[in-house]
């Protein structure tokens, strides 16, 4: 069967992604599945690629670069992952897990009966933190916007992954519908502010916007009493 290669160079972030398809035993089939040793090796490779992505971002991300970061060949990666898009999606999932862990840790430090607005005030600096390389998560939104057909799943998975955490920040006595509404509002606002910050470096107006959000959350919580 012929081996085909697809390469896409993306303007937002200059991301170059290459993928192999139609190769038996590679794309579309993980031969390591079901093997404890194979799964351990896959997790090790994924950790290395994720760390590289956190440090170096999406610029020039490709199967070749991922292989260098993992200390393996691209054939080894294709043995364990369903192509470069699958590898990128799993690395992004792991990075989002790190961000969620940081958010939950910050929220856990607050008093048990602290207001939702106070919790959001506590977690916002964590979302803005760059020391762990989590800016890559925000960069990935550019992929979804540039090629929604190919990368829409990255956006959908992000929403699905974040929403349970945002739900958990809401007061326990709220109805599911109110939690649903407020969680989606917070997610949209956080994304918008983070994208604004990443693209402009401006913080003054973002800080002002966060203060407005906090006042809105205070009113929302007061109305629910």
N, C-alpha and C. Protein backbone atom coordinates (compact mmCIF):
# COMPACT_ATOMS: atom_id res chain seq x y z
N UNK A 1 0.85 -1.19 0.00
CA UNK A 1 0.00 0.00 0.00
C UNK A 1 0.88 1.23 0.00
N UNK A 2 0.52 2.20 -0.77
CA UNK A 2 1.35 3.40 -0.89
C UNK A 2 1.31 4.20 0.40
N UNK A 3 2.42 4.83 0.69
CA UNK A 3 2.51 5.66 1.88
C UNK A 3 2.31 7.10 1.47
N UNK A 4 1.35 7.76 2.14
CA UNK A 4 1.07 9.15 1.82
C UNK A 4 1.43 10.03 2.98
N UNK A 5 1.86 11.23 2.70
CA UNK A 5 2.24 12.17 3.74
C UNK A 5 1.50 13.46 3.53
N UNK A 6 0.92 13.99 4.61
CA UNK A 6 0.23 15.26 4.54
C UNK A 6 0.99 16.26 5.39
N UNK A 7 1.22 17.43 4.86
CA UNK A 7 1.91 18.47 5.61
C UNK A 7 1.12 19.75 5.51
N UNK A 8 0.86 20.35 6.66
CA UNK A 8 0.12 21.60 6.70
C UNK A 8 0.91 22.61 7.49
N UNK A 9 1.19 23.76 6.90
CA UNK A 9 1.86 24.83 7.62
C UNK A 9 0.83 25.87 7.98
N UNK A 10 0.65 26.11 9.26
CA UNK A 10 -0.41 26.98 9.73
C UNK A 10 0.12 28.37 10.02
N UNK A 11 -0.59 29.35 9.56
CA UNK A 11 -0.19 30.74 9.81
C UNK A 11 -0.23 31.07 11.29
N UNK A 12 -1.34 30.79 12.03
CA UNK A 12 -1.35 31.10 13.46
C UNK A 12 -0.32 30.25 14.19
N UNK A 13 0.79 30.83 14.61
CA UNK A 13 1.81 30.12 15.35
C UNK A 13 2.78 29.38 14.46
N UNK A 14 2.64 29.47 13.13
CA UNK A 14 3.54 28.76 12.22
C UNK A 14 3.71 27.31 12.63
N UNK A 15 2.62 26.58 12.74
CA UNK A 15 2.66 25.20 13.16
C UNK A 15 2.73 24.30 11.95
N UNK A 16 3.73 23.47 11.89
CA UNK A 16 3.85 22.53 10.79
C UNK A 16 3.53 21.15 11.30
N UNK A 17 2.52 20.52 10.71
CA UNK A 17 2.09 19.21 11.16
C UNK A 17 2.17 18.24 10.00
N UNK A 18 2.83 17.11 10.21
CA UNK A 18 2.93 16.08 9.19
C UNK A 18 2.30 14.81 9.73
N UNK A 19 1.66 14.04 8.85
CA UNK A 19 1.01 12.81 9.30
C UNK A 19 1.19 11.72 8.26
N UNK A 20 1.30 10.47 8.74
CA UNK A 20 1.38 9.32 7.85
C UNK A 20 0.06 8.60 7.89
N UNK A 21 -0.40 8.14 6.74
CA UNK A 21 -1.67 7.42 6.69
C UNK A 21 -1.55 6.23 5.76
N UNK A 22 -2.42 5.27 5.95
CA UNK A 22 -2.47 4.13 5.05
C UNK A 22 -1.34 3.14 5.23
N UNK A 23 -0.65 3.15 6.37
CA UNK A 23 0.46 2.23 6.59
C UNK A 23 0.00 1.17 7.59
N UNK A 24 -0.12 -0.08 7.19
CA UNK A 24 -0.58 -1.12 8.11
C UNK A 24 0.29 -1.18 9.35
N UNK A 25 -0.34 -1.29 10.52
CA UNK A 25 0.41 -1.39 11.75
C UNK A 25 0.85 -0.05 12.29
N UNK A 26 0.52 1.05 11.57
CA UNK A 26 0.90 2.37 12.04
C UNK A 26 -0.36 3.19 12.27
N UNK A 27 -0.60 4.18 11.40
CA UNK A 27 -1.78 5.02 11.61
C UNK A 27 -3.03 4.15 11.61
N UNK A 28 -3.90 4.37 12.58
CA UNK A 28 -5.15 3.63 12.65
C UNK A 28 -5.08 2.34 13.43
N UNK A 29 -3.88 1.96 13.92
CA UNK A 29 -3.79 0.69 14.64
C UNK A 29 -2.64 0.74 15.63
N UNK A 30 -2.96 0.73 16.93
CA UNK A 30 -1.93 0.73 17.95
C UNK A 30 -1.67 -0.70 18.37
N UNK A 31 -0.55 -1.23 17.98
CA UNK A 31 -0.26 -2.62 18.30
C UNK A 31 0.10 -2.82 19.76
N UNK A 32 0.39 -1.69 20.47
CA UNK A 32 0.75 -1.81 21.88
C UNK A 32 -0.49 -1.93 22.77
N UNK A 33 -1.69 -1.72 22.18
CA UNK A 33 -2.91 -1.76 22.97
C UNK A 33 -3.08 -3.13 23.62
N UNK A 34 -3.46 -3.15 24.89
CA UNK A 34 -3.69 -4.39 25.59
C UNK A 34 -2.47 -4.96 26.27
N UNK A 35 -1.30 -4.39 26.03
CA UNK A 35 -0.08 -4.85 26.65
C UNK A 35 0.33 -3.87 27.73
N UNK A 36 0.52 -4.36 28.95
CA UNK A 36 0.92 -3.48 30.05
C UNK A 36 2.26 -2.83 29.76
N UNK A 37 3.17 -3.61 29.22
CA UNK A 37 4.49 -3.06 28.89
C UNK A 37 4.38 -2.04 27.77
N UNK A 38 3.56 -2.34 26.77
CA UNK A 38 3.37 -1.41 25.67
C UNK A 38 2.71 -0.12 26.12
N UNK A 39 1.72 -0.23 27.02
CA UNK A 39 1.05 0.96 27.53
C UNK A 39 2.00 1.82 28.36
N UNK A 40 2.86 1.17 29.14
CA UNK A 40 3.85 1.91 29.93
C UNK A 40 4.80 2.67 29.02
N UNK A 41 5.20 2.03 27.94
CA UNK A 41 6.09 2.69 26.97
C UNK A 41 5.37 3.84 26.30
N UNK A 42 4.09 3.66 25.96
CA UNK A 42 3.32 4.73 25.32
C UNK A 42 3.20 5.93 26.24
N UNK A 43 2.95 5.68 27.52
CA UNK A 43 2.83 6.77 28.48
C UNK A 43 4.16 7.51 28.64
N UNK A 44 5.25 6.77 28.63
CA UNK A 44 6.58 7.39 28.72
C UNK A 44 6.83 8.31 27.53
N UNK A 45 6.53 7.83 26.34
CA UNK A 45 6.70 8.64 25.13
C UNK A 45 5.81 9.88 25.18
N UNK A 46 4.58 9.69 25.62
CA UNK A 46 3.64 10.80 25.68
C UNK A 46 4.11 11.86 26.67
N UNK A 47 4.64 11.43 27.80
CA UNK A 47 5.17 12.38 28.79
C UNK A 47 6.27 13.24 28.18
N UNK A 48 7.16 12.62 27.44
CA UNK A 48 8.29 13.35 26.85
C UNK A 48 7.81 14.34 25.79
N UNK A 49 6.89 13.91 24.97
CA UNK A 49 6.36 14.79 23.93
C UNK A 49 5.59 15.95 24.57
N UNK A 50 4.83 15.65 25.62
CA UNK A 50 4.07 16.69 26.31
C UNK A 50 5.01 17.72 26.92
N UNK A 51 6.08 17.27 27.54
CA UNK A 51 7.05 18.19 28.14
C UNK A 51 7.68 19.08 27.07
N UNK A 52 8.00 18.50 25.92
CA UNK A 52 8.57 19.29 24.83
C UNK A 52 7.57 20.32 24.32
N UNK A 53 6.32 19.92 24.22
CA UNK A 53 5.28 20.83 23.74
C UNK A 53 5.12 22.00 24.72
N UNK A 54 5.18 21.71 26.01
CA UNK A 54 5.04 22.75 27.02
C UNK A 54 6.19 23.76 26.95
N UNK A 55 7.38 23.28 26.66
CA UNK A 55 8.56 24.16 26.63
C UNK A 55 8.66 24.92 25.31
N UNK A 56 8.46 24.22 24.20
CA UNK A 56 8.72 24.79 22.88
C UNK A 56 7.49 25.22 22.10
N UNK A 57 6.32 24.92 22.61
CA UNK A 57 5.10 25.39 21.96
C UNK A 57 4.78 24.65 20.67
N UNK A 58 3.83 25.21 19.93
CA UNK A 58 3.33 24.57 18.72
C UNK A 58 4.13 24.90 17.47
N UNK A 59 5.02 25.86 17.58
CA UNK A 59 5.80 26.26 16.40
C UNK A 59 6.61 25.07 15.90
N UNK A 60 6.40 24.74 14.64
CA UNK A 60 7.12 23.64 13.99
C UNK A 60 6.89 22.27 14.63
N UNK A 61 5.78 22.12 15.33
CA UNK A 61 5.50 20.79 15.88
C UNK A 61 5.23 19.82 14.74
N UNK A 62 5.89 18.70 14.77
CA UNK A 62 5.75 17.69 13.73
C UNK A 62 6.10 16.33 14.32
N UNK A 63 5.85 15.29 13.56
CA UNK A 63 6.17 13.95 14.02
C UNK A 63 7.68 13.81 14.22
N UNK A 64 8.46 14.45 13.35
CA UNK A 64 9.91 14.37 13.46
C UNK A 64 10.40 15.02 14.76
N UNK A 65 9.84 16.22 15.06
CA UNK A 65 10.24 16.89 16.29
C UNK A 65 9.80 16.09 17.52
N UNK A 66 8.60 15.55 17.47
CA UNK A 66 8.09 14.74 18.58
C UNK A 66 8.99 13.53 18.82
N UNK A 67 9.46 12.91 17.74
CA UNK A 67 10.33 11.75 17.87
C UNK A 67 11.65 12.13 18.54
N UNK A 68 12.20 13.28 18.16
CA UNK A 68 13.44 13.74 18.81
C UNK A 68 13.21 13.96 20.30
N UNK A 69 12.10 14.59 20.63
CA UNK A 69 11.81 14.87 22.04
C UNK A 69 11.62 13.57 22.83
N UNK A 70 11.03 12.58 22.18
CA UNK A 70 10.76 11.30 22.86
C UNK A 70 11.98 10.40 22.89
N UNK A 71 13.02 10.76 22.15
CA UNK A 71 14.20 9.90 22.07
C UNK A 71 13.91 8.62 21.32
N UNK A 72 13.06 8.74 20.31
CA UNK A 72 12.65 7.57 19.53
C UNK A 72 12.59 7.95 18.06
N UNK A 73 12.19 7.03 17.23
CA UNK A 73 12.00 7.31 15.82
C UNK A 73 10.52 7.57 15.55
N UNK A 74 10.24 8.17 14.38
CA UNK A 74 8.83 8.42 14.06
C UNK A 74 8.09 7.10 13.89
N UNK A 75 8.78 6.03 13.49
CA UNK A 75 8.13 4.73 13.35
C UNK A 75 7.68 4.20 14.71
N UNK A 76 8.50 4.45 15.75
CA UNK A 76 8.11 4.03 17.09
C UNK A 76 6.86 4.78 17.55
N UNK A 77 6.81 6.07 17.27
CA UNK A 77 5.64 6.85 17.65
C UNK A 77 4.40 6.36 16.91
N UNK A 78 4.55 6.02 15.64
CA UNK A 78 3.41 5.53 14.87
C UNK A 78 2.99 4.12 15.29
N UNK A 79 3.88 3.43 15.96
CA UNK A 79 3.55 2.12 16.55
C UNK A 79 2.61 2.30 17.73
N UNK A 80 2.80 3.41 18.46
CA UNK A 80 2.04 3.62 19.69
C UNK A 80 0.89 4.62 19.55
N UNK A 81 0.91 5.45 18.50
CA UNK A 81 -0.11 6.48 18.36
C UNK A 81 -0.69 6.45 16.95
N UNK A 82 -1.92 6.92 16.85
CA UNK A 82 -2.63 6.90 15.58
C UNK A 82 -2.31 8.17 14.78
N UNK A 83 -1.05 8.38 14.49
CA UNK A 83 -0.62 9.54 13.70
C UNK A 83 -0.32 10.75 14.56
N UNK A 84 0.17 11.80 13.92
CA UNK A 84 0.60 12.98 14.63
C UNK A 84 -0.57 13.75 15.23
N UNK A 85 -1.73 13.74 14.59
CA UNK A 85 -2.88 14.44 15.14
C UNK A 85 -3.33 13.79 16.45
N UNK A 86 -3.30 12.47 16.50
CA UNK A 86 -3.65 11.75 17.72
C UNK A 86 -2.64 12.06 18.82
N UNK A 87 -1.37 12.09 18.48
CA UNK A 87 -0.32 12.40 19.45
C UNK A 87 -0.49 13.82 20.00
N UNK A 88 -0.76 14.77 19.11
CA UNK A 88 -0.97 16.15 19.54
C UNK A 88 -2.19 16.25 20.46
N UNK A 89 -3.28 15.59 20.08
CA UNK A 89 -4.50 15.66 20.89
C UNK A 89 -4.28 15.09 22.28
N UNK A 90 -3.54 13.98 22.37
CA UNK A 90 -3.30 13.37 23.68
C UNK A 90 -2.35 14.22 24.52
N UNK A 91 -1.36 14.84 23.89
CA UNK A 91 -0.45 15.73 24.62
C UNK A 91 -1.20 16.96 25.13
N UNK A 92 -2.10 17.51 24.31
CA UNK A 92 -2.89 18.65 24.73
C UNK A 92 -3.81 18.27 25.89
N UNK A 93 -4.39 17.08 25.83
CA UNK A 93 -5.24 16.60 26.91
C UNK A 93 -4.45 16.56 28.21
N UNK A 94 -3.23 16.08 28.13
CA UNK A 94 -2.39 15.98 29.34
C UNK A 94 -2.02 17.36 29.87
N UNK A 95 -1.76 18.31 28.97
CA UNK A 95 -1.45 19.68 29.41
C UNK A 95 -2.67 20.31 30.09
N UNK A 96 -3.86 20.07 29.53
CA UNK A 96 -5.06 20.59 30.17
C UNK A 96 -5.28 19.96 31.54
N UNK A 97 -4.91 18.69 31.69
CA UNK A 97 -5.00 18.05 33.00
C UNK A 97 -4.12 18.78 34.01
N UNK A 98 -2.95 19.21 33.58
CA UNK A 98 -2.05 19.93 34.47
C UNK A 98 -2.66 21.27 34.87
N UNK A 99 -3.25 21.96 33.93
CA UNK A 99 -3.89 23.25 34.24
C UNK A 99 -5.05 23.04 35.21
N UNK A 100 -5.87 22.03 34.97
CA UNK A 100 -7.00 21.74 35.85
C UNK A 100 -6.52 21.41 37.26
N UNK A 101 -5.45 20.63 37.36
CA UNK A 101 -4.88 20.29 38.65
C UNK A 101 -4.44 21.54 39.40
N UNK A 102 -3.80 22.46 38.67
CA UNK A 102 -3.37 23.72 39.30
C UNK A 102 -4.56 24.54 39.78
N UNK A 103 -5.62 24.58 38.96
CA UNK A 103 -6.82 25.33 39.33
C UNK A 103 -7.47 24.74 40.58
N UNK A 104 -7.61 23.42 40.62
CA UNK A 104 -8.24 22.78 41.76
C UNK A 104 -7.41 22.96 43.03
N UNK A 105 -6.09 22.95 42.88
CA UNK A 105 -5.22 23.17 44.04
C UNK A 105 -5.40 24.58 44.59
N UNK A 106 -5.52 25.56 43.69
CA UNK A 106 -5.73 26.94 44.12
C UNK A 106 -7.09 27.10 44.79
N UNK A 107 -8.10 26.47 44.22
CA UNK A 107 -9.45 26.56 44.79
C UNK A 107 -9.52 25.87 46.15
N UNK A 108 -8.75 24.79 46.31
CA UNK A 108 -8.79 24.03 47.56
C UNK A 108 -8.19 24.82 48.73
N UNK A 109 -7.37 25.82 48.42
CA UNK A 109 -6.74 26.62 49.47
C UNK A 109 -7.72 27.63 50.07
N UNK A 110 -8.83 27.85 49.38
CA UNK A 110 -9.79 28.84 49.86
C UNK A 110 -10.66 28.24 50.95
N UNK A 111 -11.25 29.09 51.81
CA UNK A 111 -12.16 28.59 52.84
C UNK A 111 -13.31 27.82 52.23
N UNK A 112 -13.84 26.88 52.99
CA UNK A 112 -14.87 25.97 52.46
C UNK A 112 -16.10 26.71 51.94
N UNK A 113 -16.50 27.78 52.62
CA UNK A 113 -17.71 28.49 52.24
C UNK A 113 -17.40 29.78 51.48
N UNK A 114 -16.26 29.83 50.85
CA UNK A 114 -15.90 31.02 50.09
C UNK A 114 -16.83 31.18 48.89
N UNK A 115 -17.08 32.42 48.51
CA UNK A 115 -17.99 32.68 47.39
C UNK A 115 -17.35 32.25 46.07
N UNK A 116 -18.20 32.08 45.08
CA UNK A 116 -17.71 31.73 43.74
C UNK A 116 -16.79 32.83 43.22
N UNK A 117 -17.15 34.09 43.43
CA UNK A 117 -16.31 35.19 42.98
C UNK A 117 -14.93 35.13 43.61
N UNK A 118 -14.86 34.79 44.89
CA UNK A 118 -13.57 34.69 45.57
C UNK A 118 -12.75 33.53 45.00
N UNK A 119 -13.41 32.44 44.66
CA UNK A 119 -12.70 31.30 44.07
C UNK A 119 -12.13 31.67 42.70
N UNK A 120 -12.93 32.38 41.91
CA UNK A 120 -12.45 32.80 40.59
C UNK A 120 -11.27 33.76 40.74
N UNK A 121 -11.34 34.65 41.72
CA UNK A 121 -10.22 35.56 41.96
C UNK A 121 -8.94 34.78 42.30
N UNK A 122 -9.10 33.67 43.02
CA UNK A 122 -7.96 32.86 43.41
C UNK A 122 -7.36 32.08 42.24
N UNK A 123 -8.22 31.62 41.32
CA UNK A 123 -7.72 30.76 40.25
C UNK A 123 -7.24 31.54 39.03
N UNK A 124 -7.69 32.79 38.86
CA UNK A 124 -7.31 33.52 37.66
C UNK A 124 -5.79 33.67 37.52
N UNK A 125 -5.03 34.02 38.58
CA UNK A 125 -3.58 34.08 38.42
C UNK A 125 -2.97 32.74 38.01
N UNK A 126 -3.60 31.63 38.42
CA UNK A 126 -3.11 30.31 38.01
C UNK A 126 -3.30 30.11 36.52
N UNK A 127 -4.42 30.57 35.99
CA UNK A 127 -4.68 30.45 34.56
C UNK A 127 -3.71 31.31 33.75
N UNK A 128 -3.26 32.40 34.35
CA UNK A 128 -2.34 33.30 33.66
C UNK A 128 -0.88 32.87 33.80
N UNK A 129 -0.61 31.92 34.69
CA UNK A 129 0.77 31.52 34.97
C UNK A 129 1.40 30.86 33.75
N UNK A 130 2.67 31.16 33.52
CA UNK A 130 3.38 30.64 32.35
C UNK A 130 4.49 29.67 32.70
N UNK A 131 4.80 29.52 33.98
CA UNK A 131 6.00 28.76 34.33
C UNK A 131 5.93 27.30 33.90
N UNK A 132 4.72 26.76 33.76
CA UNK A 132 4.59 25.36 33.37
C UNK A 132 4.39 25.19 31.87
N UNK A 133 4.46 26.27 31.12
CA UNK A 133 4.33 26.17 29.68
C UNK A 133 2.92 25.95 29.19
N UNK A 134 1.93 26.24 30.03
CA UNK A 134 0.54 25.97 29.66
C UNK A 134 -0.01 26.96 28.65
N UNK A 135 0.79 27.95 28.25
CA UNK A 135 0.37 28.87 27.18
C UNK A 135 0.07 28.11 25.89
N UNK A 136 0.66 26.93 25.76
CA UNK A 136 0.43 26.11 24.56
C UNK A 136 -1.04 25.77 24.41
N UNK A 137 -1.75 25.60 25.52
CA UNK A 137 -3.17 25.28 25.47
C UNK A 137 -3.93 26.40 24.76
N UNK A 138 -3.56 27.64 25.07
CA UNK A 138 -4.24 28.77 24.45
C UNK A 138 -3.83 28.92 22.99
N UNK A 139 -2.58 28.60 22.69
CA UNK A 139 -2.12 28.65 21.30
C UNK A 139 -2.92 27.69 20.43
N UNK A 140 -3.29 26.56 21.00
CA UNK A 140 -3.97 25.52 20.22
C UNK A 140 -5.32 25.98 19.71
N UNK A 141 -5.91 26.99 20.34
CA UNK A 141 -7.18 27.51 19.85
C UNK A 141 -7.01 28.02 18.43
N UNK A 142 -5.81 28.53 18.12
CA UNK A 142 -5.53 29.00 16.77
C UNK A 142 -5.66 27.88 15.74
N UNK A 143 -5.27 26.66 16.12
CA UNK A 143 -5.42 25.52 15.21
C UNK A 143 -6.89 25.28 14.89
N UNK A 144 -7.71 25.33 15.92
CA UNK A 144 -9.15 25.08 15.73
C UNK A 144 -9.75 26.14 14.82
N UNK A 145 -9.33 27.39 14.99
CA UNK A 145 -9.87 28.48 14.19
C UNK A 145 -9.36 28.41 12.76
N UNK A 146 -8.10 28.00 12.58
CA UNK A 146 -7.50 27.98 11.25
C UNK A 146 -8.03 26.83 10.41
N UNK A 147 -8.16 25.65 11.03
CA UNK A 147 -8.61 24.48 10.29
C UNK A 147 -9.64 23.72 11.14
N UNK A 148 -10.87 24.26 11.25
CA UNK A 148 -11.87 23.66 12.15
C UNK A 148 -12.25 22.24 11.77
N UNK A 149 -12.19 21.92 10.49
CA UNK A 149 -12.56 20.57 10.07
C UNK A 149 -11.58 19.55 10.63
N UNK A 150 -10.31 19.89 10.62
CA UNK A 150 -9.29 18.95 11.08
C UNK A 150 -9.12 18.97 12.59
N UNK A 151 -9.23 20.15 13.21
CA UNK A 151 -8.88 20.29 14.62
C UNK A 151 -10.07 20.61 15.53
N UNK A 152 -11.28 20.49 15.02
CA UNK A 152 -12.45 20.80 15.84
C UNK A 152 -12.48 19.98 17.12
N UNK A 153 -11.97 18.75 17.06
CA UNK A 153 -12.00 17.89 18.23
C UNK A 153 -11.19 18.47 19.37
N UNK A 154 -10.10 19.20 19.05
CA UNK A 154 -9.31 19.83 20.10
C UNK A 154 -10.16 20.81 20.89
N UNK A 155 -10.98 21.58 20.19
CA UNK A 155 -11.85 22.53 20.86
C UNK A 155 -12.93 21.86 21.67
N UNK A 156 -13.56 20.83 21.09
CA UNK A 156 -14.63 20.12 21.80
C UNK A 156 -14.09 19.43 23.04
N UNK A 157 -12.94 18.79 22.92
CA UNK A 157 -12.36 18.10 24.06
C UNK A 157 -12.00 19.07 25.18
N UNK A 158 -11.53 20.26 24.81
CA UNK A 158 -11.16 21.25 25.82
C UNK A 158 -12.39 21.64 26.64
N UNK A 159 -13.50 21.91 25.96
CA UNK A 159 -14.72 22.29 26.67
C UNK A 159 -15.17 21.15 27.58
N UNK A 160 -15.20 19.94 27.06
CA UNK A 160 -15.64 18.78 27.84
C UNK A 160 -14.75 18.57 29.06
N UNK A 161 -13.46 18.83 28.89
CA UNK A 161 -12.51 18.60 29.97
C UNK A 161 -12.59 19.67 31.05
N UNK A 162 -12.83 20.91 30.66
CA UNK A 162 -12.85 22.01 31.62
C UNK A 162 -14.15 22.14 32.40
N UNK A 163 -15.27 21.86 31.76
CA UNK A 163 -16.57 22.16 32.36
C UNK A 163 -16.81 21.49 33.71
N UNK A 164 -16.44 20.23 33.92
CA UNK A 164 -16.66 19.64 35.25
C UNK A 164 -15.96 20.42 36.36
N UNK A 165 -14.78 20.94 36.07
CA UNK A 165 -14.07 21.73 37.08
C UNK A 165 -14.81 23.02 37.37
N UNK A 166 -15.29 23.69 36.32
CA UNK A 166 -16.03 24.94 36.51
C UNK A 166 -17.35 24.67 37.24
N UNK A 167 -17.99 23.54 36.94
CA UNK A 167 -19.19 23.16 37.67
C UNK A 167 -18.87 23.03 39.16
N UNK A 168 -17.74 22.40 39.47
CA UNK A 168 -17.39 22.13 40.87
C UNK A 168 -17.11 23.40 41.66
N UNK A 169 -16.77 24.48 40.97
CA UNK A 169 -16.51 25.75 41.65
C UNK A 169 -17.81 26.44 42.08
N UNK A 170 -18.90 26.11 41.41
CA UNK A 170 -20.19 26.75 41.72
C UNK A 170 -20.73 26.26 43.06
N UNK A 171 -21.53 27.06 43.72
CA UNK A 171 -22.14 26.65 45.00
C UNK A 171 -22.90 25.34 44.85
N UNK A 172 -22.78 24.48 45.84
CA UNK A 172 -23.40 23.15 45.77
C UNK A 172 -24.91 23.22 45.69
N UNK A 173 -25.51 24.25 46.31
CA UNK A 173 -26.97 24.31 46.35
C UNK A 173 -27.59 24.90 45.08
N UNK A 174 -26.78 25.27 44.11
CA UNK A 174 -27.33 25.75 42.84
C UNK A 174 -27.94 24.59 42.07
N UNK A 175 -28.92 24.92 41.25
CA UNK A 175 -29.48 23.90 40.36
C UNK A 175 -28.47 23.57 39.27
N UNK A 176 -28.64 22.40 38.67
CA UNK A 176 -27.74 22.00 37.58
C UNK A 176 -27.81 23.00 36.42
N UNK A 177 -29.01 23.52 36.17
CA UNK A 177 -29.16 24.47 35.07
C UNK A 177 -28.37 25.75 35.34
N UNK A 178 -28.43 26.26 36.57
CA UNK A 178 -27.68 27.47 36.90
C UNK A 178 -26.18 27.21 36.80
N UNK A 179 -25.74 26.07 37.29
CA UNK A 179 -24.32 25.71 37.18
C UNK A 179 -23.91 25.63 35.71
N UNK A 180 -24.77 25.03 34.91
CA UNK A 180 -24.51 24.90 33.47
C UNK A 180 -24.32 26.26 32.84
N UNK A 181 -25.22 27.17 33.13
CA UNK A 181 -25.17 28.51 32.53
C UNK A 181 -23.92 29.28 32.98
N UNK A 182 -23.65 29.28 34.27
CA UNK A 182 -22.53 30.06 34.80
C UNK A 182 -21.19 29.44 34.39
N UNK A 183 -21.11 28.11 34.39
CA UNK A 183 -19.87 27.45 33.99
C UNK A 183 -19.52 27.78 32.54
N UNK A 184 -20.51 27.75 31.66
CA UNK A 184 -20.26 28.09 30.26
C UNK A 184 -19.89 29.56 30.10
N UNK A 185 -20.50 30.42 30.88
CA UNK A 185 -20.14 31.83 30.82
C UNK A 185 -18.68 32.03 31.24
N UNK A 186 -18.27 31.39 32.33
CA UNK A 186 -16.89 31.53 32.81
C UNK A 186 -15.90 30.98 31.79
N UNK A 187 -16.24 29.83 31.20
CA UNK A 187 -15.33 29.24 30.22
C UNK A 187 -15.12 30.18 29.04
N UNK A 188 -16.21 30.76 28.52
CA UNK A 188 -16.10 31.66 27.38
C UNK A 188 -15.29 32.91 27.73
N UNK A 189 -15.52 33.45 28.92
CA UNK A 189 -14.80 34.66 29.32
C UNK A 189 -13.33 34.36 29.55
N UNK A 190 -13.01 33.28 30.23
CA UNK A 190 -11.62 32.92 30.46
C UNK A 190 -10.88 32.74 29.14
N UNK A 191 -11.51 32.03 28.21
CA UNK A 191 -10.87 31.82 26.90
C UNK A 191 -10.63 33.15 26.19
N UNK A 192 -11.64 34.01 26.21
CA UNK A 192 -11.50 35.30 25.54
C UNK A 192 -10.39 36.14 26.13
N UNK A 193 -10.33 36.22 27.45
CA UNK A 193 -9.30 37.01 28.11
C UNK A 193 -7.90 36.42 27.88
N UNK A 194 -7.80 35.10 27.93
CA UNK A 194 -6.50 34.47 27.71
C UNK A 194 -6.01 34.69 26.29
N UNK A 195 -6.90 34.58 25.32
CA UNK A 195 -6.53 34.83 23.94
C UNK A 195 -6.11 36.28 23.75
N UNK A 196 -6.82 37.20 24.38
CA UNK A 196 -6.48 38.62 24.30
C UNK A 196 -5.09 38.85 24.87
N UNK A 197 -4.84 38.24 26.01
CA UNK A 197 -3.52 38.40 26.66
C UNK A 197 -2.41 37.81 25.80
N UNK A 198 -2.66 36.63 25.24
CA UNK A 198 -1.61 35.98 24.43
C UNK A 198 -1.29 36.79 23.18
N UNK A 199 -2.28 37.45 22.63
CA UNK A 199 -2.06 38.15 21.36
C UNK A 199 -1.63 39.60 21.53
N UNK A 200 -1.91 40.21 22.69
CA UNK A 200 -1.58 41.63 22.86
C UNK A 200 -0.60 41.89 23.99
N UNK A 201 -0.54 40.98 24.96
CA UNK A 201 0.31 41.22 26.12
C UNK A 201 -0.26 42.25 27.08
N UNK A 202 -1.45 42.75 26.78
CA UNK A 202 -2.11 43.76 27.60
C UNK A 202 -2.78 43.10 28.80
N UNK A 203 -2.59 43.67 29.98
CA UNK A 203 -3.21 43.11 31.18
C UNK A 203 -4.17 44.07 31.87
N UNK A 204 -4.00 45.38 31.64
CA UNK A 204 -4.80 46.35 32.38
C UNK A 204 -6.29 46.17 32.10
N UNK A 205 -6.65 46.10 30.81
CA UNK A 205 -8.08 45.98 30.50
C UNK A 205 -8.60 44.59 30.86
N UNK A 206 -7.72 43.58 30.80
CA UNK A 206 -8.15 42.24 31.18
C UNK A 206 -8.43 42.19 32.67
N UNK A 207 -7.57 42.81 33.47
CA UNK A 207 -7.82 42.88 34.91
C UNK A 207 -9.15 43.59 35.19
N UNK A 208 -9.42 44.65 34.43
CA UNK A 208 -10.69 45.36 34.60
C UNK A 208 -11.87 44.46 34.25
N UNK A 209 -11.71 43.67 33.18
CA UNK A 209 -12.77 42.75 32.78
C UNK A 209 -13.01 41.68 33.83
N UNK A 210 -11.95 41.19 34.43
CA UNK A 210 -12.09 40.19 35.48
C UNK A 210 -12.85 40.76 36.68
N UNK A 211 -12.57 42.00 37.01
CA UNK A 211 -13.29 42.64 38.12
C UNK A 211 -14.79 42.72 37.80
N UNK A 212 -15.12 43.03 36.54
CA UNK A 212 -16.52 43.08 36.14
C UNK A 212 -17.15 41.69 36.24
N UNK A 213 -16.40 40.66 35.84
CA UNK A 213 -16.89 39.28 35.96
C UNK A 213 -17.15 38.93 37.42
N UNK A 214 -16.25 39.31 38.29
CA UNK A 214 -16.41 39.00 39.71
C UNK A 214 -17.67 39.65 40.28
N UNK A 215 -17.93 40.90 39.87
CA UNK A 215 -19.15 41.57 40.33
C UNK A 215 -20.40 40.85 39.81
N UNK A 216 -20.32 40.40 38.55
CA UNK A 216 -21.45 39.67 37.97
C UNK A 216 -21.69 38.36 38.71
N UNK A 217 -20.63 37.67 39.10
CA UNK A 217 -20.77 36.42 39.84
C UNK A 217 -21.33 36.67 41.24
N UNK A 218 -20.92 37.76 41.84
CA UNK A 218 -21.47 38.12 43.16
C UNK A 218 -22.97 38.35 43.06
N UNK A 219 -23.40 39.06 42.00
CA UNK A 219 -24.84 39.30 41.81
C UNK A 219 -25.57 37.99 41.55
N UNK A 220 -24.94 37.13 40.75
CA UNK A 220 -25.56 35.84 40.43
C UNK A 220 -25.75 35.00 41.68
N UNK A 221 -24.75 35.00 42.54
CA UNK A 221 -24.83 34.20 43.77
C UNK A 221 -25.86 34.80 44.72
N UNK A 222 -25.92 36.12 44.78
CA UNK A 222 -26.90 36.78 45.66
C UNK A 222 -28.33 36.50 45.18
N UNK A 223 -28.52 36.46 43.88
CA UNK A 223 -29.86 36.22 43.32
C UNK A 223 -30.33 34.81 43.58
N UNK A 224 -29.40 33.90 43.79
CA UNK A 224 -29.77 32.49 43.99
C UNK A 224 -30.13 32.20 45.43
N UNK A 225 -29.87 33.15 46.32
CA UNK A 225 -30.13 32.91 47.75
C UNK A 225 -31.62 33.00 48.06
